[in-house]
Amino acid sequence: ADLSLGEALRLAVAALGSGDGSASRSIEAAQLEVAVLERD
């Protein structure tokens, strides 16, 4: 629950890169679409 924004995005990108069932792949920032709902 206490993840920072950077930690949350790195976790999400790591999960997206492991979806093919083989070795994890790195995804560049240009290949991602990311948005946030900021509480403040």
PDB file of all heavy atoms in Angstrom:
ATOM      1  N   ALA A   1       0.808  -1.222   0.000  1.00  0.00           N
ATOM      2  CA  ALA A   1       0.000   0.000   0.000  1.00  0.00           C
ATOM      3  C   ALA A   1       0.836   1.265   0.000  1.00  0.00           C
ATOM      4  O   ALA A   1       0.370   2.306  -0.465  1.00  0.00           O
ATOM      5  CB  ALA A   1      -0.947   0.001   1.206  1.00  0.00           C
ATOM      6  N   ASP A   2       2.058   1.224   0.511  1.00  0.00           N
ATOM      7  CA  ASP A   2       2.867   2.430   0.642  1.00  0.00           C
ATOM      8  C   ASP A   2       3.881   2.590  -0.478  1.00  0.00           C
ATOM      9  O   ASP A   2       4.918   3.228  -0.293  1.00  0.00           O
ATOM     10  CB  ASP A   2       3.586   2.442   1.992  1.00  0.00           C
ATOM     11  CG  ASP A   2       4.491   1.233   2.169  1.00  0.00           C
ATOM     12  OD1 ASP A   2       4.354   0.269   1.377  1.00  0.00           O
ATOM     13  OD2 ASP A   2       5.339   1.249   3.086  1.00  0.00           O
ATOM     14  N   LEU A   3       3.619   2.043  -1.641  1.00  0.00           N
ATOM     15  CA  LEU A   3       4.524   2.202  -2.771  1.00  0.00           C
ATOM     16  C   LEU A   3       4.583   3.658  -3.216  1.00  0.00           C
ATOM     17  O   LEU A   3       3.571   4.363  -3.225  1.00  0.00           O
ATOM     18  CB  LEU A   3       4.070   1.341  -3.950  1.00  0.00           C
ATOM     19  CG  LEU A   3       4.256  -0.175  -3.858  1.00  0.00           C
ATOM     20  CD1 LEU A   3       3.617  -0.843  -5.063  1.00  0.00           C
ATOM     21  CD2 LEU A   3       5.729  -0.535  -3.780  1.00  0.00           C
ATOM     22  N   SER A   4       5.757   4.111  -3.600  1.00  0.00           N
ATOM     23  CA  SER A   4       5.877   5.413  -4.243  1.00  0.00           C
ATOM     24  C   SER A   4       5.478   5.281  -5.709  1.00  0.00           C
ATOM     25  O   SER A   4       5.310   4.170  -6.234  1.00  0.00           O
ATOM     26  CB  SER A   4       7.304   5.946  -4.112  1.00  0.00           C
ATOM     27  OG  SER A   4       8.195   5.120  -4.834  1.00  0.00           O
ATOM     28  N   LEU A   5       5.359   6.419  -6.393  1.00  0.00           N
ATOM     29  CA  LEU A   5       4.964   6.372  -7.801  1.00  0.00           C
ATOM     30  C   LEU A   5       6.006   5.655  -8.639  1.00  0.00           C
ATOM     31  O   LEU A   5       5.667   4.828  -9.502  1.00  0.00           O
ATOM     32  CB  LEU A   5       4.743   7.795  -8.325  1.00  0.00           C
ATOM     33  CG  LEU A   5       4.370   7.918  -9.810  1.00  0.00           C
ATOM     34  CD1 LEU A   5       3.120   7.112 -10.132  1.00  0.00           C
ATOM     35  CD2 LEU A   5       4.181   9.376 -10.201  1.00  0.00           C
ATOM     36  N   GLY A   6       7.294   5.940  -8.411  1.00  0.00           N
ATOM     37  CA  GLY A   6       8.338   5.262  -9.170  1.00  0.00           C
ATOM     38  C   GLY A   6       8.344   3.770  -8.929  1.00  0.00           C
ATOM     39  O   GLY A   6       8.486   2.971  -9.872  1.00  0.00           O
ATOM     40  N   GLU A   7       8.182   3.344  -7.688  1.00  0.00           N
ATOM     41  CA  GLU A   7       8.154   1.910  -7.387  1.00  0.00           C
ATOM     42  C   GLU A   7       6.935   1.237  -8.004  1.00  0.00           C
ATOM     43  O   GLU A   7       7.028   0.114  -8.516  1.00  0.00           O
ATOM     44  CB  GLU A   7       8.153   1.715  -5.872  1.00  0.00           C
ATOM     45  CG  GLU A   7       9.447   2.136  -5.184  1.00  0.00           C
ATOM     46  CD  GLU A   7       9.340   2.104  -3.676  1.00  0.00           C
ATOM     47  OE1 GLU A   7       8.194   2.136  -3.158  1.00  0.00           O
ATOM     48  OE2 GLU A   7      10.388   2.046  -3.009  1.00  0.00           O
ATOM     49  N   ALA A   8       5.795   1.907  -7.976  1.00  0.00           N
ATOM     50  CA  ALA A   8       4.591   1.330  -8.568  1.00  0.00           C
ATOM     51  C   ALA A   8       4.733   1.162 -10.079  1.00  0.00           C
ATOM     52  O   ALA A   8       4.352   0.130 -10.641  1.00  0.00           O
ATOM     53  CB  ALA A   8       3.378   2.208  -8.244  1.00  0.00           C
ATOM     54  N   LEU A   9       5.305   2.158 -10.743  1.00  0.00           N
ATOM     55  CA  LEU A   9       5.474   2.061 -12.193  1.00  0.00           C
ATOM     56  C   LEU A   9       6.501   1.002 -12.566  1.00  0.00           C
ATOM     57  O   LEU A   9       6.320   0.275 -13.553  1.00  0.00           O
ATOM     58  CB  LEU A   9       5.878   3.424 -12.751  1.00  0.00           C
ATOM     59  CG  LEU A   9       4.817   4.529 -12.658  1.00  0.00           C
ATOM     60  CD1 LEU A   9       5.324   5.807 -13.281  1.00  0.00           C
ATOM     61  CD2 LEU A   9       3.522   4.089 -13.320  1.00  0.00           C
ATOM     62  N   ARG A  10       7.583   0.899 -11.801  1.00  0.00           N
ATOM     63  CA  ARG A  10       8.566  -0.143 -12.099  1.00  0.00           C
ATOM     64  C   ARG A  10       7.978  -1.535 -11.899  1.00  0.00           C
ATOM     65  O   ARG A  10       8.265  -2.464 -12.667  1.00  0.00           O
ATOM     66  CB  ARG A  10       9.799   0.051 -11.215  1.00  0.00           C
ATOM     67  CG  ARG A  10      10.678   1.214 -11.660  1.00  0.00           C
ATOM     68  CD  ARG A  10      12.023   1.180 -10.959  1.00  0.00           C
ATOM     69  NE  ARG A  10      11.897   1.461  -9.542  1.00  0.00           N
ATOM     70  CZ  ARG A  10      11.924   2.688  -9.018  1.00  0.00           C
ATOM     71  NH1 ARG A  10      12.068   3.733  -9.814  1.00  0.00           N
ATOM     72  NH2 ARG A  10      11.815   2.883  -7.720  1.00  0.00           N
ATOM     73  N   LEU A  11       7.123  -1.688 -10.887  1.00  0.00           N
ATOM     74  CA  LEU A  11       6.451  -2.968 -10.689  1.00  0.00           C
ATOM     75  C   LEU A  11       5.503  -3.277 -11.848  1.00  0.00           C
ATOM     76  O   LEU A  11       5.463  -4.411 -12.351  1.00  0.00           O
ATOM     77  CB  LEU A  11       5.691  -2.941  -9.366  1.00  0.00           C
ATOM     78  CG  LEU A  11       4.829  -4.167  -9.043  1.00  0.00           C
ATOM     79  CD1 LEU A  11       5.683  -5.423  -8.972  1.00  0.00           C
ATOM     80  CD2 LEU A  11       4.070  -3.953  -7.743  1.00  0.00           C
ATOM     81  N   ALA A  12       4.748  -2.285 -12.295  1.00  0.00           N
ATOM     82  CA  ALA A  12       3.811  -2.494 -13.402  1.00  0.00           C
ATOM     83  C   ALA A  12       4.543  -2.832 -14.691  1.00  0.00           C
ATOM     84  O   ALA A  12       4.143  -3.746 -15.425  1.00  0.00           O
ATOM     85  CB  ALA A  12       2.942  -1.252 -13.585  1.00  0.00           C
ATOM     86  N   VAL A  13       5.624  -2.123 -14.985  1.00  0.00           N
ATOM     87  CA  VAL A  13       6.375  -2.374 -16.220  1.00  0.00           C
ATOM     88  C   VAL A  13       7.050  -3.738 -16.165  1.00  0.00           C
ATOM     89  O   VAL A  13       7.117  -4.460 -17.165  1.00  0.00           O
ATOM     90  CB  VAL A  13       7.393  -1.244 -16.453  1.00  0.00           C
ATOM     91  CG1 VAL A  13       8.296  -1.564 -17.630  1.00  0.00           C
ATOM     92  CG2 VAL A  13       6.670   0.069 -16.696  1.00  0.00           C
ATOM     93  N   ALA A  14       7.571  -4.113 -14.997  1.00  0.00           N
ATOM     94  CA  ALA A  14       8.176  -5.444 -14.866  1.00  0.00           C
ATOM     95  C   ALA A  14       7.139  -6.538 -15.092  1.00  0.00           C
ATOM     96  O   ALA A  14       7.432  -7.568 -15.715  1.00  0.00           O
ATOM     97  CB  ALA A  14       8.819  -5.581 -13.491  1.00  0.00           C
ATOM     98  N   ALA A  15       5.922  -6.338 -14.596  1.00  0.00           N
ATOM     99  CA  ALA A  15       4.869  -7.327 -14.819  1.00  0.00           C
ATOM    100  C   ALA A  15       4.475  -7.392 -16.293  1.00  0.00           C
ATOM    101  O   ALA A  15       4.289  -8.482 -16.838  1.00  0.00           O
ATOM    102  CB  ALA A  15       3.650  -6.984 -13.961  1.00  0.00           C
ATOM    103  N   LEU A  16       4.371  -6.245 -16.952  1.00  0.00           N
ATOM    104  CA  LEU A  16       4.035  -6.246 -18.374  1.00  0.00           C
ATOM    105  C   LEU A  16       5.109  -6.925 -19.206  1.00  0.00           C
ATOM    106  O   LEU A  16       4.815  -7.577 -20.212  1.00  0.00           O
ATOM    107  CB  LEU A  16       3.828  -4.807 -18.857  1.00  0.00           C
ATOM    108  CG  LEU A  16       2.607  -4.057 -18.309  1.00  0.00           C
ATOM    109  CD1 LEU A  16       2.634  -2.604 -18.740  1.00  0.00           C
ATOM    110  CD2 LEU A  16       1.316  -4.719 -18.766  1.00  0.00           C
ATOM    111  N   GLY A  17       6.373  -6.782 -18.795  1.00  0.00           N
ATOM    112  CA  GLY A  17       7.459  -7.410 -19.539  1.00  0.00           C
ATOM    113  C   GLY A  17       7.568  -8.901 -19.330  1.00  0.00           C
ATOM    114  O   GLY A  17       8.259  -9.580 -20.103  1.00  0.00           O
ATOM    115  N   SER A  18       6.906  -9.440 -18.325  1.00  0.00           N
ATOM    116  CA  SER A  18       6.975 -10.874 -18.064  1.00  0.00           C
ATOM    117  C   SER A  18       5.751 -11.620 -18.576  1.00  0.00           C
ATOM    118  O   SER A  18       5.535 -12.775 -18.234  1.00  0.00           O
ATOM    119  CB  SER A  18       7.094 -11.119 -16.548  1.00  0.00           C
ATOM    120  OG  SER A  18       5.934 -10.649 -15.875  1.00  0.00           O
ATOM    121  N   GLY A  19       4.974 -10.999 -19.427  1.00  0.00           N
ATOM    122  CA  GLY A  19       3.724 -11.612 -19.861  1.00  0.00           C
ATOM    123  C   GLY A  19       3.854 -12.634 -20.947  1.00  0.00           C
ATOM    124  O   GLY A  19       2.919 -13.379 -21.205  1.00  0.00           O
ATOM    125  N   ASP A  20       5.017 -12.729 -21.625  1.00  0.00           N
ATOM    126  CA  ASP A  20       5.131 -13.680 -22.722  1.00  0.00           C
ATOM    127  C   ASP A  20       5.476 -15.085 -22.262  1.00  0.00           C
ATOM    128  O   ASP A  20       5.606 -16.004 -23.067  1.00  0.00           O
ATOM    129  CB  ASP A  20       6.192 -13.206 -23.729  1.00  0.00           C
ATOM    130  CG  ASP A  20       7.532 -12.936 -23.065  1.00  0.00           C
ATOM    131  OD1 ASP A  20       7.618 -13.106 -21.842  1.00  0.00           O
ATOM    132  OD2 ASP A  20       8.476 -12.561 -23.789  1.00  0.00           O
ATOM    133  N   GLY A  21       5.690 -15.297 -20.955  1.00  0.00           N
ATOM    134  CA  GLY A  21       5.974 -16.625 -20.443  1.00  0.00           C
ATOM    135  C   GLY A  21       7.422 -17.020 -20.492  1.00  0.00           C
ATOM    136  O   GLY A  21       7.823 -18.005 -19.876  1.00  0.00           O
ATOM    137  N   SER A  22       8.267 -16.294 -21.205  1.00  0.00           N
ATOM    138  CA  SER A  22       9.693 -16.591 -21.280  1.00  0.00           C
ATOM    139  C   SER A  22      10.440 -15.635 -20.365  1.00  0.00           C
ATOM    140  O   SER A  22       9.899 -15.139 -19.391  1.00  0.00           O
ATOM    141  CB  SER A  22      10.180 -16.483 -22.725  1.00  0.00           C
ATOM    142  OG  SER A  22       9.945 -15.180 -23.229  1.00  0.00           O
ATOM    143  N   ALA A  23      11.708 -15.381 -20.698  1.00  0.00           N
ATOM    144  CA  ALA A  23      12.505 -14.458 -19.893  1.00  0.00           C
ATOM    145  C   ALA A  23      11.898 -13.061 -19.954  1.00  0.00           C
ATOM    146  O   ALA A  23      11.320 -12.648 -20.964  1.00  0.00           O
ATOM    147  CB  ALA A  23      13.945 -14.433 -20.391  1.00  0.00           C
ATOM    148  N   SER A  24      12.067 -12.323 -18.879  1.00  0.00           N
ATOM    149  CA  SER A  24      11.505 -10.977 -18.810  1.00  0.00           C
ATOM    150  C   SER A  24      12.174 -10.080 -19.831  1.00  0.00           C
ATOM    151  O   SER A  24      13.386 -10.151 -20.056  1.00  0.00           O
ATOM    152  CB  SER A  24      11.691 -10.408 -17.397  1.00  0.00           C
ATOM    153  OG  SER A  24      11.025 -11.217 -16.453  1.00  0.00           O
ATOM    154  N   ARG A  25      11.403  -9.220 -20.421  1.00  0.00           N
ATOM    155  CA  ARG A  25      11.925  -8.267 -21.400  1.00  0.00           C
ATOM    156  C   ARG A  25      11.720  -6.860 -20.866  1.00  0.00           C
ATOM    157  O   ARG A  25      10.785  -6.586 -20.120  1.00  0.00           O
ATOM    158  CB  ARG A  25      11.224  -8.423 -22.746  1.00  0.00           C
ATOM    159  CG  ARG A  25       9.726  -8.240 -22.679  1.00  0.00           C
ATOM    160  CD  ARG A  25       9.039  -8.628 -23.980  1.00  0.00           C
ATOM    161  NE  ARG A  25       7.594  -8.502 -23.871  1.00  0.00           N
ATOM    162  CZ  ARG A  25       6.924  -7.389 -24.167  1.00  0.00           C
ATOM    163  NH1 ARG A  25       7.567  -6.317 -24.607  1.00  0.00           N
ATOM    164  NH2 ARG A  25       5.612  -7.343 -24.041  1.00  0.00           N
ATOM    165  N   SER A  26      12.604  -5.975 -21.275  1.00  0.00           N
ATOM    166  CA  SER A  26      12.495  -4.581 -20.860  1.00  0.00           C
ATOM    167  C   SER A  26      11.668  -3.809 -21.872  1.00  0.00           C
ATOM    168  O   SER A  26      11.800  -4.011 -23.083  1.00  0.00           O
ATOM    169  CB  SER A  26      13.895  -3.947 -20.735  1.00  0.00           C
ATOM    170  OG  SER A  26      14.566  -4.004 -21.984  1.00  0.00           O
ATOM    171  N   ILE A  27      10.827  -2.928 -21.373  1.00  0.00           N
ATOM    172  CA  ILE A  27       9.954  -2.114 -22.228  1.00  0.00           C
ATOM    173  C   ILE A  27      10.404  -0.671 -22.107  1.00  0.00           C
ATOM    174  O   ILE A  27      10.504  -0.126 -20.998  1.00  0.00           O
ATOM    175  CB  ILE A  27       8.477  -2.263 -21.824  1.00  0.00           C
ATOM    176  CG1 ILE A  27       8.074  -3.745 -21.820  1.00  0.00           C
ATOM    177  CG2 ILE A  27       7.585  -1.477 -22.758  1.00  0.00           C
ATOM    178  CD1 ILE A  27       6.658  -3.984 -21.347  1.00  0.00           C
ATOM    179  N   GLU A  28      10.679  -0.033 -23.233  1.00  0.00           N
ATOM    180  CA  GLU A  28      11.118   1.356 -23.236  1.00  0.00           C
ATOM    181  C   GLU A  28       9.951   2.279 -22.898  1.00  0.00           C
ATOM    182  O   GLU A  28       8.776   1.940 -23.066  1.00  0.00           O
ATOM    183  CB  GLU A  28      11.704   1.726 -24.603  1.00  0.00           C
ATOM    184  CG  GLU A  28      12.891   0.884 -25.022  1.00  0.00           C
ATOM    185  CD  GLU A  28      14.085   1.098 -24.120  1.00  0.00           C
ATOM    186  OE1 GLU A  28      14.190   2.198 -23.535  1.00  0.00           O
ATOM    187  OE2 GLU A  28      14.918   0.184 -23.988  1.00  0.00           O
ATOM    188  N   ALA A  29      10.311   3.475 -22.419  1.00  0.00           N
ATOM    189  CA  ALA A  29       9.282   4.449 -22.054  1.00  0.00           C
ATOM    190  C   ALA A  29       8.454   4.871 -23.267  1.00  0.00           C
ATOM    191  O   ALA A  29       7.272   5.190 -23.123  1.00  0.00           O
ATOM    192  CB  ALA A  29       9.935   5.669 -21.413  1.00  0.00           C
ATOM    193  N   ALA A  30       9.069   4.873 -24.463  1.00  0.00           N
ATOM    194  CA  ALA A  30       8.330   5.276 -25.664  1.00  0.00           C
ATOM    195  C   ALA A  30       7.248   4.270 -26.043  1.00  0.00           C
ATOM    196  O   ALA A  30       6.334   4.601 -26.813  1.00  0.00           O
ATOM    197  CB  ALA A  30       9.297   5.465 -26.834  1.00  0.00           C
ATOM    198  N   GLN A  31       7.317   3.042 -25.524  1.00  0.00           N
ATOM    199  CA  GLN A  31       6.337   2.016 -25.851  1.00  0.00           C
ATOM    200  C   GLN A  31       5.228   1.900 -24.812  1.00  0.00           C
ATOM    201  O   GLN A  31       4.389   1.003 -24.902  1.00  0.00           O
ATOM    202  CB  GLN A  31       7.044   0.656 -25.968  1.00  0.00           C
ATOM    203  CG  GLN A  31       8.171   0.627 -26.979  1.00  0.00           C
ATOM    204  CD  GLN A  31       7.686   0.868 -28.389  1.00  0.00           C
ATOM    205  OE1 GLN A  31       6.650   0.337 -28.791  1.00  0.00           O
ATOM    206  NE2 GLN A  31       8.420   1.658 -29.148  1.00  0.00           N
ATOM    207  N   LEU A  32       5.206   2.810 -23.839  1.00  0.00           N
ATOM    208  CA  LEU A  32       4.262   2.711 -22.743  1.00  0.00           C
ATOM    209  C   LEU A  32       3.267   3.868 -22.764  1.00  0.00           C
ATOM    210  O   LEU A  32       3.584   4.969 -23.229  1.00  0.00           O
ATOM    211  CB  LEU A  32       5.002   2.730 -21.400  1.00  0.00           C
ATOM    212  CG  LEU A  32       5.894   1.520 -21.093  1.00  0.00           C
ATOM    213  CD1 LEU A  32       6.755   1.804 -19.879  1.00  0.00           C
ATOM    214  CD2 LEU A  32       5.063   0.270 -20.872  1.00  0.00           C
ATOM    215  N   GLU A  33       2.095   3.585 -22.264  1.00  0.00           N
ATOM    216  CA  GLU A  33       1.092   4.613 -21.994  1.00  0.00           C
ATOM    217  C   GLU A  33       0.790   4.563 -20.499  1.00  0.00           C
ATOM    218  O   GLU A  33       0.352   3.534 -19.982  1.00  0.00           O
ATOM    219  CB  GLU A  33      -0.183   4.374 -22.792  1.00  0.00           C
ATOM    220  CG  GLU A  33      -1.263   5.419 -22.529  1.00  0.00           C
ATOM    221  CD  GLU A  33      -2.559   5.117 -23.236  1.00  0.00           C
ATOM    222  OE1 GLU A  33      -2.625   4.113 -23.975  1.00  0.00           O
ATOM    223  OE2 GLU A  33      -3.535   5.893 -23.032  1.00  0.00           O
ATOM    224  N   VAL A  34       1.065   5.649 -19.807  1.00  0.00           N
ATOM    225  CA  VAL A  34       0.954   5.686 -18.356  1.00  0.00           C
ATOM    226  C   VAL A  34       0.204   6.950 -17.956  1.00  0.00           C
ATOM    227  O   VAL A  34       0.451   8.035 -18.498  1.00  0.00           O
ATOM    228  CB  VAL A  34       2.341   5.655 -17.675  1.00  0.00           C
ATOM    229  CG1 VAL A  34       2.196   5.767 -16.161  1.00  0.00           C
ATOM    230  CG2 VAL A  34       3.081   4.379 -18.039  1.00  0.00           C
ATOM    231  N   ALA A  35      -0.697   6.811 -17.006  1.00  0.00           N
ATOM    232  CA  ALA A  35      -1.425   7.953 -16.439  1.00  0.00           C
ATOM    233  C   ALA A  35      -1.668   7.680 -14.960  1.00  0.00           C
ATOM    234  O   ALA A  35      -1.597   6.530 -14.504  1.00  0.00           O
ATOM    235  CB  ALA A  35      -2.741   8.183 -17.169  1.00  0.00           C
ATOM    236  N   VAL A  36      -1.936   8.740 -14.227  1.00  0.00           N
ATOM    237  CA  VAL A  36      -2.158   8.610 -12.788  1.00  0.00           C
ATOM    238  C   VAL A  36      -3.340   9.482 -12.378  1.00  0.00           C
ATOM    239  O   VAL A  36      -3.653  10.497 -13.013  1.00  0.00           O
ATOM    240  CB  VAL A  36      -0.905   9.030 -11.979  1.00  0.00           C
ATOM    241  CG1 VAL A  36       0.232   8.069 -12.207  1.00  0.00           C
ATOM    242  CG2 VAL A  36      -0.482  10.449 -12.315  1.00  0.00           C
ATOM    243  N   LEU A  37      -4.002   9.044 -11.312  1.00  0.00           N
ATOM    244  CA  LEU A  37      -4.970   9.864 -10.581  1.00  0.00           C
ATOM    245  C   LEU A  37      -4.283  10.288  -9.291  1.00  0.00           C
ATOM    246  O   LEU A  37      -4.074   9.466  -8.388  1.00  0.00           O
ATOM    247  CB  LEU A  37      -6.238   9.073 -10.284  1.00  0.00           C
ATOM    248  CG  LEU A  37      -7.195   8.809 -11.445  1.00  0.00           C
ATOM    249  CD1 LEU A  37      -8.305   7.862 -11.013  1.00  0.00           C
ATOM    250  CD2 LEU A  37      -7.785  10.093 -11.985  1.00  0.00           C
ATOM    251  N   GLU A  38      -3.899  11.552  -9.201  1.00  0.00           N
ATOM    252  CA  GLU A  38      -3.128  12.043  -8.058  1.00  0.00           C
ATOM    253  C   GLU A  38      -4.076  12.574  -6.976  1.00  0.00           C
ATOM    254  O   GLU A  38      -4.933  13.413  -7.252  1.00  0.00           O
ATOM    255  CB  GLU A  38      -2.152  13.129  -8.500  1.00  0.00           C
ATOM    256  CG  GLU A  38      -1.056  12.608  -9.407  1.00  0.00           C
ATOM    257  CD  GLU A  38      -0.069  13.675  -9.798  1.00  0.00           C
ATOM    258  OE1 GLU A  38      -0.468  14.849  -9.884  1.00  0.00           O
ATOM    259  OE2 GLU A  38       1.098  13.328 -10.031  1.00  0.00           O
ATOM    260  N   ARG A  39      -3.848  12.112  -5.789  1.00  0.00           N
ATOM    261  CA  ARG A  39      -4.733  12.446  -4.679  1.00  0.00           C
ATOM    262  C   ARG A  39      -4.644  13.928  -4.294  1.00  0.00           C
ATOM    263  O   ARG A  39      -5.624  14.529  -3.853  1.00  0.00           O
ATOM    264  CB  ARG A  39      -4.372  11.573  -3.469  1.00  0.00           C
ATOM    265  CG  ARG A  39      -5.458  11.508  -2.411  1.00  0.00           C
ATOM    266  CD  ARG A  39      -5.010  10.678  -1.218  1.00  0.00           C
ATOM    267  NE  ARG A  39      -4.296   9.477  -1.590  1.00  0.00           N
ATOM    268  CZ  ARG A  39      -4.880   8.350  -1.986  1.00  0.00           C
ATOM    269  NH1 ARG A  39      -6.198   8.303  -2.045  1.00  0.00           N
ATOM    270  NH2 ARG A  39      -4.163   7.298  -2.312  1.00  0.00           N
ATOM    271  N   ASP A  40      -3.469  14.530  -4.435  1.00  0.00           N
ATOM    272  CA  ASP A  40      -3.240  15.889  -3.947  1.00  0.00           C
ATOM    273  C   ASP A  40      -3.655  16.973  -4.937  1.00  0.00           C
ATOM    274  O   ASP A  40      -3.592  18.155  -4.596  1.00  0.00           O
ATOM    275  CB  ASP A  40      -1.756  16.080  -3.598  1.00  0.00           C
ATOM    276  CG  ASP A  40      -1.320  15.179  -2.456  1.00  0.00           C
ATOM    277  OD1 ASP A  40      -2.194  14.793  -1.651  1.00  0.00           O
ATOM    278  OD2 ASP A  40      -0.127  14.843  -2.368  1.00  0.00           O
TER     279      ASP A  40
END
